[in-house]
Amino acid sequence: MQYLHTMIRVTDLDQSLDFFCNKMGFAEVRRIENEKGRYTLVFLAAPDDEGKARETFAPTVELTFNWDPETYSGGRNFGHLAYAVDDIYALCDRLMKAGVTINRPPRDGHMAFIRTPDNISIELIQKNGSLPSQEPWASMPNTGVW
């Protein structure tokens, strides 16, 4: 068995691509436009997975954009995506400077949560254990839900 992808529906493809590609550093590895079905599928790979994803189409996040407007609710009910990161503080700082809310700051140097423009939770986990606690993260309160 092999993990292939996680699909999330998005309401604004450009906004979601900006979030994942420009802010999170993901790469688009495949795109499918289906005129008959009136949808676009965009497969994205995390930076460390890009080479493998280009060869095998996995592991990826599949953004599904339905051309006809729909309202999606319950993004939190989905659960969350999780990614191991090289430096949780540096990534959270970069995301915050790009306008992303850090819902659960990495106070422990190990874990943080953010949300996509469609309210899908993303857990960021520090690779190889926790970093030493540091400010401003150590005393930063939670914002909203994750």
N, C-alpha and C. Protein backbone atom coordinates (compact mmCIF):
# COMPACT_ATOMS: atom_id res chain seq x y z
N MET A 1 0.85 -1.17 0.00
CA MET A 1 0.00 0.00 0.00
C MET A 1 0.89 1.23 0.00
N GLN A 2 0.47 2.27 -0.73
CA GLN A 2 1.25 3.49 -0.84
C GLN A 2 0.34 4.69 -0.68
N TYR A 3 0.73 5.63 0.14
CA TYR A 3 -0.02 6.87 0.27
C TYR A 3 0.09 7.64 -1.04
N LEU A 4 -1.05 8.12 -1.58
CA LEU A 4 -1.04 8.86 -2.83
C LEU A 4 -1.26 10.35 -2.61
N HIS A 5 -2.43 10.73 -2.10
CA HIS A 5 -2.71 12.14 -1.91
C HIS A 5 -3.86 12.34 -0.93
N THR A 6 -3.99 13.57 -0.50
CA THR A 6 -5.14 14.01 0.28
C THR A 6 -5.85 15.06 -0.56
N MET A 7 -7.15 14.90 -0.75
CA MET A 7 -7.92 15.86 -1.55
C MET A 7 -8.66 16.81 -0.64
N ILE A 8 -8.56 18.10 -0.97
CA ILE A 8 -9.37 19.11 -0.30
C ILE A 8 -10.03 19.97 -1.38
N ARG A 9 -11.29 20.31 -1.14
CA ARG A 9 -12.00 21.18 -2.07
C ARG A 9 -11.69 22.63 -1.72
N VAL A 10 -11.47 23.44 -2.74
CA VAL A 10 -11.15 24.84 -2.52
C VAL A 10 -12.14 25.72 -3.27
N THR A 11 -12.39 26.89 -2.73
CA THR A 11 -13.35 27.81 -3.34
C THR A 11 -12.71 28.84 -4.23
N ASP A 12 -11.42 29.11 -4.04
CA ASP A 12 -10.69 30.09 -4.85
C ASP A 12 -9.34 29.46 -5.16
N LEU A 13 -9.19 28.95 -6.38
CA LEU A 13 -7.98 28.23 -6.75
C LEU A 13 -6.75 29.12 -6.67
N ASP A 14 -6.84 30.35 -7.15
CA ASP A 14 -5.69 31.25 -7.12
C ASP A 14 -5.25 31.54 -5.69
N GLN A 15 -6.20 31.79 -4.81
CA GLN A 15 -5.89 32.06 -3.40
C GLN A 15 -5.25 30.83 -2.75
N SER A 16 -5.76 29.66 -3.06
CA SER A 16 -5.20 28.42 -2.48
C SER A 16 -3.81 28.15 -3.02
N LEU A 17 -3.58 28.38 -4.32
CA LEU A 17 -2.25 28.20 -4.89
C LEU A 17 -1.26 29.19 -4.30
N ASP A 18 -1.70 30.43 -4.08
CA ASP A 18 -0.84 31.41 -3.43
C ASP A 18 -0.44 30.92 -2.04
N PHE A 19 -1.41 30.41 -1.29
CA PHE A 19 -1.13 29.92 0.06
C PHE A 19 -0.14 28.76 0.02
N PHE A 20 -0.46 27.72 -0.75
CA PHE A 20 0.37 26.53 -0.76
C PHE A 20 1.72 26.75 -1.45
N CYS A 21 1.73 27.40 -2.60
CA CYS A 21 2.97 27.54 -3.38
C CYS A 21 3.82 28.71 -2.92
N ASN A 22 3.24 29.90 -2.84
CA ASN A 22 4.02 31.08 -2.51
C ASN A 22 4.35 31.20 -1.02
N LYS A 23 3.44 30.77 -0.18
CA LYS A 23 3.66 30.93 1.26
C LYS A 23 4.24 29.68 1.92
N MET A 24 3.75 28.50 1.52
CA MET A 24 4.22 27.25 2.12
C MET A 24 5.39 26.64 1.36
N GLY A 25 5.62 27.05 0.11
CA GLY A 25 6.74 26.53 -0.66
C GLY A 25 6.47 25.26 -1.42
N PHE A 26 5.19 24.86 -1.58
CA PHE A 26 4.84 23.66 -2.34
C PHE A 26 5.07 23.91 -3.83
N ALA A 27 5.14 22.82 -4.59
CA ALA A 27 5.29 22.90 -6.05
C ALA A 27 4.13 22.17 -6.72
N GLU A 28 3.62 22.77 -7.79
CA GLU A 28 2.60 22.10 -8.57
C GLU A 28 3.27 21.03 -9.42
N VAL A 29 2.81 19.78 -9.30
CA VAL A 29 3.43 18.68 -10.04
C VAL A 29 2.52 18.11 -11.12
N ARG A 30 1.23 18.44 -11.08
CA ARG A 30 0.31 17.95 -12.10
C ARG A 30 -0.98 18.74 -12.02
N ARG A 31 -1.61 18.93 -13.19
CA ARG A 31 -2.89 19.65 -13.24
C ARG A 31 -3.78 18.95 -14.25
N ILE A 32 -5.05 18.80 -13.88
CA ILE A 32 -6.04 18.19 -14.77
C ILE A 32 -7.22 19.15 -14.87
N GLU A 33 -7.55 19.54 -16.09
CA GLU A 33 -8.73 20.38 -16.35
C GLU A 33 -9.77 19.47 -16.99
N ASN A 34 -10.96 19.39 -16.41
CA ASN A 34 -12.01 18.55 -16.94
C ASN A 34 -13.21 19.41 -17.30
N GLU A 35 -13.31 19.77 -18.58
CA GLU A 35 -14.41 20.65 -19.01
C GLU A 35 -15.76 19.97 -18.86
N LYS A 36 -15.86 18.69 -19.20
CA LYS A 36 -17.13 17.99 -19.09
C LYS A 36 -17.60 17.95 -17.63
N GLY A 37 -16.69 17.64 -16.72
CA GLY A 37 -17.03 17.59 -15.30
C GLY A 37 -17.02 18.95 -14.62
N ARG A 38 -16.50 19.98 -15.32
CA ARG A 38 -16.44 21.35 -14.83
C ARG A 38 -15.63 21.46 -13.53
N TYR A 39 -14.42 20.89 -13.55
CA TYR A 39 -13.55 21.01 -12.39
C TYR A 39 -12.09 21.03 -12.83
N THR A 40 -11.24 21.50 -11.91
CA THR A 40 -9.79 21.49 -12.07
C THR A 40 -9.20 20.77 -10.87
N LEU A 41 -8.25 19.88 -11.14
CA LEU A 41 -7.50 19.22 -10.08
C LEU A 41 -6.05 19.70 -10.18
N VAL A 42 -5.50 20.14 -9.06
CA VAL A 42 -4.10 20.56 -9.02
C VAL A 42 -3.43 19.75 -7.92
N PHE A 43 -2.35 19.05 -8.28
CA PHE A 43 -1.61 18.22 -7.33
C PHE A 43 -0.35 18.96 -6.93
N LEU A 44 -0.16 19.11 -5.61
CA LEU A 44 0.95 19.86 -5.06
C LEU A 44 1.81 18.97 -4.18
N ALA A 45 3.11 19.21 -4.24
CA ALA A 45 4.05 18.45 -3.41
C ALA A 45 4.78 19.39 -2.46
N ALA A 46 4.98 18.92 -1.23
CA ALA A 46 5.80 19.66 -0.28
C ALA A 46 7.23 19.69 -0.79
N PRO A 47 8.02 20.70 -0.40
CA PRO A 47 9.37 20.84 -0.95
C PRO A 47 10.22 19.58 -0.92
N ASP A 48 10.24 18.85 0.18
CA ASP A 48 11.08 17.65 0.27
C ASP A 48 10.50 16.46 -0.50
N ASP A 49 9.25 16.55 -0.94
CA ASP A 49 8.60 15.46 -1.66
C ASP A 49 8.50 15.69 -3.16
N GLU A 50 8.95 16.85 -3.65
CA GLU A 50 8.71 17.21 -5.04
C GLU A 50 9.28 16.20 -6.04
N GLY A 51 10.52 15.78 -5.86
CA GLY A 51 11.14 14.83 -6.79
C GLY A 51 10.35 13.54 -6.88
N LYS A 52 10.04 12.96 -5.74
CA LYS A 52 9.28 11.71 -5.72
C LYS A 52 7.89 11.90 -6.32
N ALA A 53 7.25 13.02 -6.00
CA ALA A 53 5.89 13.27 -6.49
C ALA A 53 5.87 13.46 -8.01
N ARG A 54 6.91 14.03 -8.57
CA ARG A 54 6.96 14.19 -10.03
C ARG A 54 7.11 12.82 -10.72
N GLU A 55 7.78 11.89 -10.05
CA GLU A 55 7.97 10.55 -10.62
C GLU A 55 6.77 9.64 -10.40
N THR A 56 6.18 9.71 -9.21
CA THR A 56 5.15 8.74 -8.83
C THR A 56 3.77 9.34 -8.59
N PHE A 57 3.67 10.67 -8.69
CA PHE A 57 2.44 11.40 -8.37
C PHE A 57 2.07 11.28 -6.89
N ALA A 58 3.01 10.92 -6.04
CA ALA A 58 2.75 10.80 -4.61
C ALA A 58 4.02 11.12 -3.84
N PRO A 59 3.92 11.60 -2.66
CA PRO A 59 2.72 12.04 -1.94
C PRO A 59 2.37 13.48 -2.34
N THR A 60 1.09 13.76 -2.45
CA THR A 60 0.64 15.09 -2.84
C THR A 60 -0.63 15.49 -2.11
N VAL A 61 -0.92 16.78 -2.21
CA VAL A 61 -2.21 17.33 -1.82
C VAL A 61 -2.93 17.66 -3.12
N GLU A 62 -4.13 17.17 -3.26
CA GLU A 62 -4.93 17.44 -4.45
C GLU A 62 -5.92 18.55 -4.12
N LEU A 63 -5.79 19.69 -4.81
CA LEU A 63 -6.77 20.75 -4.67
C LEU A 63 -7.83 20.51 -5.73
N THR A 64 -9.07 20.38 -5.32
CA THR A 64 -10.19 20.20 -6.25
C THR A 64 -10.97 21.50 -6.30
N PHE A 65 -11.01 22.08 -7.49
CA PHE A 65 -11.75 23.33 -7.69
C PHE A 65 -12.90 23.06 -8.64
N ASN A 66 -14.13 23.12 -8.10
CA ASN A 66 -15.33 22.95 -8.91
C ASN A 66 -15.68 24.31 -9.52
N TRP A 67 -15.84 24.35 -10.85
CA TRP A 67 -16.05 25.60 -11.55
C TRP A 67 -17.36 26.27 -11.17
N ASP A 68 -18.37 25.49 -10.84
CA ASP A 68 -19.64 26.07 -10.42
C ASP A 68 -19.56 26.35 -8.92
N PRO A 69 -19.89 27.58 -8.51
CA PRO A 69 -19.73 27.94 -7.09
C PRO A 69 -20.49 27.01 -6.15
N GLU A 70 -19.82 26.64 -5.08
CA GLU A 70 -20.41 25.84 -4.02
C GLU A 70 -19.96 26.41 -2.69
N THR A 71 -20.73 26.16 -1.65
CA THR A 71 -20.34 26.56 -0.31
C THR A 71 -19.92 25.31 0.45
N TYR A 72 -18.71 25.33 0.98
CA TYR A 72 -18.20 24.21 1.77
C TYR A 72 -18.13 24.65 3.22
N SER A 73 -18.54 23.78 4.11
CA SER A 73 -18.45 24.10 5.53
C SER A 73 -17.79 22.92 6.24
N GLY A 74 -17.39 23.17 7.45
CA GLY A 74 -16.84 22.09 8.26
C GLY A 74 -15.41 21.75 7.95
N GLY A 75 -14.61 22.73 7.50
CA GLY A 75 -13.21 22.46 7.23
C GLY A 75 -12.51 21.79 8.41
N ARG A 76 -12.90 22.18 9.60
CA ARG A 76 -12.31 21.56 10.79
C ARG A 76 -12.71 20.09 10.88
N ASN A 77 -13.88 19.73 10.39
CA ASN A 77 -14.31 18.33 10.44
C ASN A 77 -13.41 17.43 9.61
N PHE A 78 -12.72 17.99 8.64
CA PHE A 78 -11.79 17.22 7.83
C PHE A 78 -10.69 16.62 8.67
N GLY A 79 -10.27 17.30 9.68
CA GLY A 79 -9.11 16.89 10.47
C GLY A 79 -7.97 17.83 10.14
N HIS A 80 -6.82 17.30 9.73
CA HIS A 80 -5.73 18.17 9.34
C HIS A 80 -4.72 17.44 8.48
N LEU A 81 -3.95 18.22 7.76
CA LEU A 81 -2.77 17.72 7.06
C LEU A 81 -1.60 17.92 8.01
N ALA A 82 -0.59 17.08 7.92
CA ALA A 82 0.57 17.23 8.80
C ALA A 82 1.85 17.14 7.99
N TYR A 83 2.78 18.04 8.30
CA TYR A 83 4.07 18.08 7.59
C TYR A 83 5.19 18.27 8.59
N ALA A 84 6.26 17.50 8.43
CA ALA A 84 7.47 17.69 9.21
C ALA A 84 8.26 18.82 8.56
N VAL A 85 8.82 19.71 9.38
CA VAL A 85 9.54 20.88 8.88
C VAL A 85 10.94 20.96 9.47
N ASP A 86 11.85 21.58 8.73
CA ASP A 86 13.24 21.70 9.17
C ASP A 86 13.41 22.65 10.34
N ASP A 87 12.71 23.79 10.33
CA ASP A 87 12.83 24.80 11.38
C ASP A 87 11.46 25.42 11.60
N ILE A 88 10.77 24.96 12.60
CA ILE A 88 9.39 25.39 12.84
C ILE A 88 9.31 26.89 13.12
N TYR A 89 10.30 27.43 13.81
CA TYR A 89 10.27 28.86 14.11
C TYR A 89 10.45 29.70 12.84
N ALA A 90 11.39 29.32 12.02
CA ALA A 90 11.64 30.07 10.78
C ALA A 90 10.42 30.01 9.86
N LEU A 91 9.81 28.83 9.74
CA LEU A 91 8.63 28.70 8.87
C LEU A 91 7.47 29.52 9.42
N CYS A 92 7.20 29.43 10.72
CA CYS A 92 6.10 30.20 11.29
C CYS A 92 6.34 31.69 11.15
N ASP A 93 7.57 32.13 11.30
CA ASP A 93 7.90 33.54 11.12
C ASP A 93 7.64 33.97 9.67
N ARG A 94 8.08 33.17 8.73
CA ARG A 94 7.86 33.48 7.31
C ARG A 94 6.37 33.52 6.97
N LEU A 95 5.62 32.54 7.50
CA LEU A 95 4.18 32.50 7.25
C LEU A 95 3.48 33.71 7.87
N MET A 96 3.86 34.05 9.10
CA MET A 96 3.24 35.19 9.77
C MET A 96 3.51 36.48 8.97
N LYS A 97 4.74 36.65 8.50
CA LYS A 97 5.08 37.84 7.71
C LYS A 97 4.33 37.87 6.39
N ALA A 98 3.88 36.69 5.91
CA ALA A 98 3.10 36.60 4.66
C ALA A 98 1.60 36.75 4.93
N GLY A 99 1.23 37.01 6.18
CA GLY A 99 -0.18 37.23 6.50
C GLY A 99 -0.94 36.02 6.97
N VAL A 100 -0.25 34.91 7.24
CA VAL A 100 -0.92 33.70 7.71
C VAL A 100 -1.00 33.75 9.24
N THR A 101 -2.19 33.46 9.77
CA THR A 101 -2.38 33.41 11.22
C THR A 101 -1.80 32.11 11.76
N ILE A 102 -1.00 32.21 12.80
CA ILE A 102 -0.49 31.01 13.48
C ILE A 102 -1.50 30.73 14.59
N ASN A 103 -2.41 29.80 14.35
CA ASN A 103 -3.49 29.52 15.29
C ASN A 103 -2.99 28.91 16.59
N ARG A 104 -2.06 28.00 16.48
CA ARG A 104 -1.44 27.39 17.66
C ARG A 104 0.07 27.57 17.47
N PRO A 105 0.65 28.59 18.13
CA PRO A 105 2.08 28.86 17.96
C PRO A 105 2.95 27.70 18.47
N PRO A 106 4.17 27.61 17.97
CA PRO A 106 5.09 26.53 18.39
C PRO A 106 5.76 26.83 19.73
N ARG A 107 4.95 27.01 20.77
CA ARG A 107 5.49 27.36 22.09
C ARG A 107 6.49 26.33 22.59
N ASP A 108 6.25 25.08 22.24
CA ASP A 108 7.10 23.99 22.72
C ASP A 108 8.25 23.68 21.77
N GLY A 109 8.39 24.46 20.69
CA GLY A 109 9.44 24.20 19.71
C GLY A 109 9.19 22.95 18.90
N HIS A 110 7.99 22.41 18.98
CA HIS A 110 7.72 21.13 18.33
C HIS A 110 6.53 21.16 17.38
N MET A 111 5.44 21.85 17.75
CA MET A 111 4.22 21.74 16.97
C MET A 111 3.52 23.09 16.86
N ALA A 112 2.96 23.34 15.67
CA ALA A 112 2.15 24.53 15.43
C ALA A 112 1.01 24.15 14.51
N PHE A 113 -0.05 24.97 14.51
CA PHE A 113 -1.17 24.78 13.60
C PHE A 113 -1.48 26.08 12.89
N ILE A 114 -1.79 25.96 11.60
CA ILE A 114 -2.26 27.06 10.78
C ILE A 114 -3.49 26.56 10.03
N ARG A 115 -4.14 27.45 9.27
CA ARG A 115 -5.29 27.03 8.47
C ARG A 115 -5.16 27.60 7.06
N THR A 116 -5.67 26.85 6.09
CA THR A 116 -5.68 27.30 4.70
C THR A 116 -6.79 28.34 4.52
N PRO A 117 -6.83 29.01 3.36
CA PRO A 117 -7.93 29.95 3.12
C PRO A 117 -9.31 29.30 3.20
N ASP A 118 -9.40 27.99 3.05
CA ASP A 118 -10.68 27.27 3.17
C ASP A 118 -10.84 26.60 4.52
N ASN A 119 -10.05 27.03 5.51
CA ASN A 119 -10.13 26.57 6.90
C ASN A 119 -9.76 25.11 7.12
N ILE A 120 -8.90 24.57 6.28
CA ILE A 120 -8.35 23.24 6.52
C ILE A 120 -7.14 23.41 7.45
N SER A 121 -7.13 22.67 8.54
CA SER A 121 -6.02 22.77 9.50
C SER A 121 -4.78 22.06 8.97
N ILE A 122 -3.64 22.69 9.21
CA ILE A 122 -2.34 22.10 8.87
C ILE A 122 -1.49 22.09 10.13
N GLU A 123 -1.01 20.91 10.48
CA GLU A 123 -0.11 20.76 11.62
C GLU A 123 1.32 20.78 11.11
N LEU A 124 2.14 21.60 11.74
CA LEU A 124 3.57 21.66 11.41
C LEU A 124 4.31 21.04 12.58
N ILE A 125 5.17 20.05 12.28
CA ILE A 125 5.89 19.32 13.32
C ILE A 125 7.38 19.45 13.06
N GLN A 126 8.12 19.85 14.07
CA GLN A 126 9.57 19.99 13.96
C GLN A 126 10.23 18.64 13.74
N LYS A 127 11.05 18.54 12.68
CA LYS A 127 11.79 17.30 12.44
C LYS A 127 12.80 17.06 13.56
N ASN A 128 13.05 15.81 13.84
CA ASN A 128 14.10 15.40 14.78
C ASN A 128 13.92 15.96 16.19
N GLY A 129 12.71 15.97 16.69
CA GLY A 129 12.47 16.43 18.05
C GLY A 129 12.19 17.92 18.13
N SER A 130 12.14 18.43 19.33
CA SER A 130 11.78 19.83 19.56
C SER A 130 13.00 20.74 19.57
N LEU A 131 12.78 21.98 19.14
CA LEU A 131 13.80 23.03 19.29
C LEU A 131 13.63 23.64 20.68
N PRO A 132 14.67 24.26 21.23
CA PRO A 132 14.51 24.93 22.52
C PRO A 132 13.44 26.03 22.43
N SER A 133 12.68 26.17 23.48
CA SER A 133 11.64 27.19 23.52
C SER A 133 12.25 28.57 23.36
N GLN A 134 11.59 29.44 22.59
CA GLN A 134 12.09 30.81 22.41
C GLN A 134 10.94 31.77 22.14
N GLU A 135 11.19 33.01 22.44
CA GLU A 135 10.23 34.09 22.19
C GLU A 135 10.34 34.52 20.73
N PRO A 136 9.26 35.04 20.16
CA PRO A 136 8.00 35.39 20.82
C PRO A 136 7.05 34.21 20.96
N TRP A 137 7.47 33.05 20.47
CA TRP A 137 6.59 31.89 20.41
C TRP A 137 6.19 31.36 21.78
N ALA A 138 7.14 31.34 22.72
CA ALA A 138 6.88 30.73 24.04
C ALA A 138 5.70 31.36 24.77
N SER A 139 5.49 32.66 24.60
CA SER A 139 4.41 33.32 25.32
C SER A 139 3.25 33.75 24.41
N MET A 140 3.28 33.34 23.15
CA MET A 140 2.23 33.73 22.21
C MET A 140 0.97 32.91 22.45
N PRO A 141 -0.18 33.57 22.57
CA PRO A 141 -1.43 32.83 22.81
C PRO A 141 -1.96 32.19 21.54
N ASN A 142 -2.87 31.24 21.72
CA ASN A 142 -3.58 30.66 20.58
C ASN A 142 -4.49 31.72 19.96
N THR A 143 -4.76 31.56 18.67
CA THR A 143 -5.67 32.45 17.95
C THR A 143 -6.70 31.60 17.24
N GLY A 144 -7.96 31.76 17.58
CA GLY A 144 -9.01 31.00 16.92
C GLY A 144 -8.91 29.52 17.25
N VAL A 145 -9.31 28.70 16.28
CA VAL A 145 -9.28 27.25 16.45
C VAL A 145 -8.42 26.65 15.37
N TRP A 146 -8.06 25.41 15.58
CA TRP A 146 -7.27 24.71 14.56
C TRP A 146 -7.74 23.30 14.42
